[in-house]
């Protein structure tokens, strides 16, 4: 058996599992740095995924607790798409990916990890990022700590995003 040490996961494993919606809770807190919230819009926020597929894995989340795409209001949908565009510009500028995966997991069978509160994933991709680890050991290696990624992206936002 192969082992990869990930000591930062212990906090998640041992932490008391709370009832309620983590996205609703985090959006109401005033702890953006601790929660990896990069940007707050009028209808949605952008945050780093705490369990990313790749470095820079972002999520765009409406403030309103809504579970299906057809229940989004027009202004929520519009802001999600605007933030998607802004975040791809940011990620290109700061992290230089070769492409992106963008999508939503709608429903349990589709892989939704947070049920009842939809969110849009933006996953930066680089040529060759699918290295031998996922193929041989069903393991993904994330080479940068969340705090470092957050700081880079936050500096990119604060440095006049899109200019």
Foldseek 3Di string as FASTA:
>chain_A
DDDDDDPVCVCVVPPDDDDDFPLLVVVPDPCCLVQQWQADDPFWTKGADQDDLEQPKIKIFGNDQAQDPVPDDPVNVVVLVVVVVLSVQLCCVQPNAPDWDKDWQRDVVSPDPGGRTIIIIIGGHHVCLPDCCCVPPVDHDYPDHSSVSSVSSNVCVVVPGPD
